[in-house]
């Protein structure tokens, strides 16, 4: 005797996800014209200008400037390397590395560090005008990193990869089973 609540057929859905990448290194400046590329360039420029401004102070050898200098230099080199990695498609070649998560963690930490270092520069704005310039560019870098962190978070939530394409093929198969 058949159970009236038990279905006489069932549907099986199979989802196949393919990642399309081109695994050779090549120069492609199209990344520079995307929003993420423009943010990377803005981060590099703001960080470099903040570093230069604090370095031109007559008090540039003070230990209080080491926070601004260290954070600016590390942010400059990380952002520059990531920009070069995106332009030459290194990120696409090594797509199994969670680049978006690495960048997201960096972009979350760096606004906090910039807030602290720019605040320490704000304490010395009365001594030299260059601290005020460093403060301005430090806060600009903080907002650029924060917005980039938001974009990376949204990309991680959507399941995207940093570079390349994910193609989803959905195949639905219906089977009838006799019980």
Protein backbone atom coordinates (compact mmCIF):
# COMPACT_ATOMS: atom_id res chain seq x y z
CA UNK A 1 0.00 0.00 0.00
CA UNK A 2 1.39 3.33 -1.05
CA UNK A 3 1.70 6.20 1.38
CA UNK A 4 -0.39 9.16 0.09
CA UNK A 5 2.11 11.64 1.59
CA UNK A 6 5.07 10.07 -0.17
CA UNK A 7 5.74 11.48 -3.65
CA UNK A 8 5.72 9.20 -6.65
CA UNK A 9 8.56 11.12 -8.30
CA UNK A 10 11.46 13.28 -7.20
CA UNK A 11 13.49 16.08 -8.79
CA UNK A 12 17.28 16.13 -8.66
CA UNK A 13 19.05 19.42 -9.30
CA UNK A 14 22.74 19.32 -10.17
CA UNK A 15 24.76 22.54 -10.16
CA UNK A 16 28.17 22.59 -11.83
CA UNK A 17 30.49 25.54 -11.20
CA UNK A 18 33.47 26.13 -13.45
CA UNK A 19 36.15 28.76 -12.91
CA UNK A 20 37.47 30.15 -16.16
CA UNK A 21 40.99 31.51 -15.88
CA UNK A 22 43.84 32.23 -18.21
CA UNK A 23 46.90 30.96 -16.40
CA UNK A 24 49.63 32.98 -18.04
CA UNK A 25 51.13 36.24 -16.89
CA UNK A 26 50.26 39.14 -19.13
CA UNK A 27 50.04 42.91 -18.92
CA UNK A 28 46.52 44.27 -18.96
CA UNK A 29 45.86 47.84 -17.85
CA UNK A 30 42.06 47.44 -17.96
CA UNK A 31 42.13 46.95 -14.17
CA UNK A 32 43.23 50.56 -13.78
CA UNK A 33 39.89 51.75 -15.18
CA UNK A 34 37.72 49.72 -12.81
CA UNK A 35 36.48 51.08 -9.48
CA UNK A 36 38.80 48.77 -7.57
CA UNK A 37 41.77 49.85 -9.69
CA UNK A 38 41.02 53.53 -9.14
CA UNK A 39 40.73 52.87 -5.40
CA UNK A 40 44.14 51.13 -5.41
CA UNK A 41 45.69 54.11 -7.17
CA UNK A 42 44.01 56.51 -4.73
CA UNK A 43 45.27 54.46 -1.78
CA UNK A 44 48.82 54.52 -3.10
CA UNK A 45 48.70 58.27 -3.78
CA UNK A 46 47.16 59.17 -0.41
CA UNK A 47 49.56 56.96 1.52
CA UNK A 48 52.57 58.34 -0.33
CA UNK A 49 51.45 61.95 0.15
CA UNK A 50 50.86 61.34 3.86
CA UNK A 51 54.33 59.87 4.18
CA UNK A 52 55.97 62.71 2.27
CA UNK A 53 54.11 65.33 4.30
CA UNK A 54 55.21 63.93 7.63
CA UNK A 55 58.77 63.47 6.35
CA UNK A 56 59.07 67.17 5.46
CA UNK A 57 58.39 68.25 9.00
CA UNK A 58 61.24 69.79 10.97
CA UNK A 59 60.31 67.26 13.66
CA UNK A 60 60.40 64.28 11.33
CA UNK A 61 62.93 62.43 13.47
CA UNK A 62 60.61 62.28 16.49
CA UNK A 63 59.51 58.85 17.59
CA UNK A 64 55.85 59.90 17.27
CA UNK A 65 56.29 59.98 13.50
CA UNK A 66 57.35 56.35 13.36
CA UNK A 67 53.71 55.21 13.53
CA UNK A 68 52.73 57.35 10.56
CA UNK A 69 55.85 56.34 8.65
CA UNK A 70 55.53 52.62 9.36
CA UNK A 71 51.82 52.41 8.58
CA UNK A 72 52.22 54.51 5.44
CA UNK A 73 55.13 52.48 4.11
CA UNK A 74 53.51 49.12 4.77
CA UNK A 75 50.25 50.31 3.20
CA UNK A 76 52.13 51.73 0.22
CA UNK A 77 54.04 48.52 -0.49
CA UNK A 78 51.06 46.20 0.03
CA UNK A 79 48.79 48.30 -2.21
CA UNK A 80 51.51 48.65 -4.85
CA UNK A 81 52.18 44.90 -4.91
CA UNK A 82 48.48 44.12 -5.16
CA UNK A 83 48.09 46.64 -7.98
CA UNK A 84 50.97 45.05 -9.87
CA UNK A 85 49.53 41.58 -9.18
CA UNK A 86 46.20 42.64 -10.68
CA UNK A 87 47.74 44.37 -13.70
CA UNK A 88 49.91 41.38 -14.57
CA UNK A 89 47.16 38.84 -13.67
CA UNK A 90 49.21 37.14 -10.96
CA UNK A 91 46.02 37.03 -8.90
CA UNK A 92 44.26 35.15 -11.68
CA UNK A 93 47.08 32.64 -12.04
CA UNK A 94 46.91 31.77 -8.34
CA UNK A 95 43.14 31.90 -8.01
CA UNK A 96 43.04 29.28 -5.25
CA UNK A 97 44.63 31.77 -2.84
CA UNK A 98 41.80 33.73 -1.14
CA UNK A 99 42.96 37.12 -2.44
CA UNK A 100 39.69 38.87 -1.65
CA UNK A 101 39.76 37.75 1.97
CA UNK A 102 43.41 38.74 2.36
CA UNK A 103 42.69 42.17 0.94
CA UNK A 104 39.52 42.51 2.97
CA UNK A 105 41.36 41.80 6.22
CA UNK A 106 44.08 44.27 5.26
CA UNK A 107 41.51 46.88 4.23
CA UNK A 108 39.67 46.47 7.53
CA UNK A 109 42.83 46.78 9.64
CA UNK A 110 44.35 49.71 7.80
CA UNK A 111 41.63 52.32 8.41
CA UNK A 112 41.90 51.58 12.12
CA UNK A 113 45.67 51.96 12.03
CA UNK A 114 45.36 55.11 9.94
CA UNK A 115 42.88 56.53 12.42
CA UNK A 116 45.40 55.99 15.19
CA UNK A 117 48.38 57.35 13.27
CA UNK A 118 46.51 60.33 11.85
CA UNK A 119 45.26 61.10 15.33
CA UNK A 120 48.83 61.11 16.60
CA UNK A 121 49.72 63.48 13.76
CA UNK A 122 46.74 65.64 14.74
CA UNK A 123 48.28 66.16 18.16
CA UNK A 124 51.23 67.93 16.53
CA UNK A 125 49.43 70.09 13.97
CA UNK A 126 50.33 73.19 15.97
CA UNK A 127 54.05 72.48 15.60
CA UNK A 128 54.27 72.27 11.84
CA UNK A 129 51.88 72.61 8.91
CA UNK A 130 53.08 69.33 7.39
CA UNK A 131 51.34 67.41 10.17
CA UNK A 132 48.03 68.88 9.05
CA UNK A 133 48.73 67.83 5.46
CA UNK A 134 49.69 64.35 6.67
CA UNK A 135 46.50 64.24 8.71
CA UNK A 136 44.41 65.17 5.68
CA UNK A 137 45.95 62.52 3.43
CA UNK A 138 45.91 59.96 6.24
CA UNK A 139 42.18 60.36 6.67
CA UNK A 140 41.68 60.24 2.89
CA UNK A 141 43.63 56.96 2.80
CA UNK A 142 41.54 55.71 5.70
CA UNK A 143 38.32 56.29 3.76
CA UNK A 144 39.77 54.75 0.59
CA UNK A 145 40.78 51.60 2.46
CA UNK A 146 37.44 51.47 4.27
CA UNK A 147 35.43 51.70 1.07
CA UNK A 148 37.63 49.06 -0.55
CA UNK A 149 37.02 46.81 2.47
CA UNK A 150 33.28 47.22 1.95
CA UNK A 151 33.59 46.29 -1.73
CA UNK A 152 35.74 43.26 -0.89
CA UNK A 153 33.25 42.13 1.76
CA UNK A 154 30.39 42.34 -0.72
CA UNK A 155 32.41 40.39 -3.30
CA UNK A 156 33.23 37.68 -0.75
CA UNK A 157 29.55 37.43 0.21
CA UNK A 158 28.60 36.95 -3.46
CA UNK A 159 31.19 34.18 -3.80
CA UNK A 160 33.30 35.97 -6.39
CA UNK A 161 36.97 35.41 -7.05
CA UNK A 162 39.42 38.28 -7.25
CA UNK A 163 40.11 37.99 -10.96
CA UNK A 164 38.71 35.71 -13.65
CA UNK A 165 35.22 34.38 -14.29
CA UNK A 166 33.01 31.89 -12.52
CA UNK A 167 30.53 30.21 -14.84
CA UNK A 168 27.61 28.35 -13.27
CA UNK A 169 25.83 25.70 -15.33
CA UNK A 170 22.58 24.48 -13.83
CA UNK A 171 21.20 21.16 -14.97
CA UNK A 172 17.85 19.90 -13.76
CA UNK A 173 17.00 16.24 -14.09
CA UNK A 174 13.55 14.85 -13.27
CA UNK A 175 13.32 11.17 -12.53
CA UNK A 176 10.15 9.20 -11.95
CA UNK A 177 10.44 6.37 -9.54
CA UNK A 178 7.81 3.69 -9.02
CA UNK A 179 7.26 2.80 -5.40
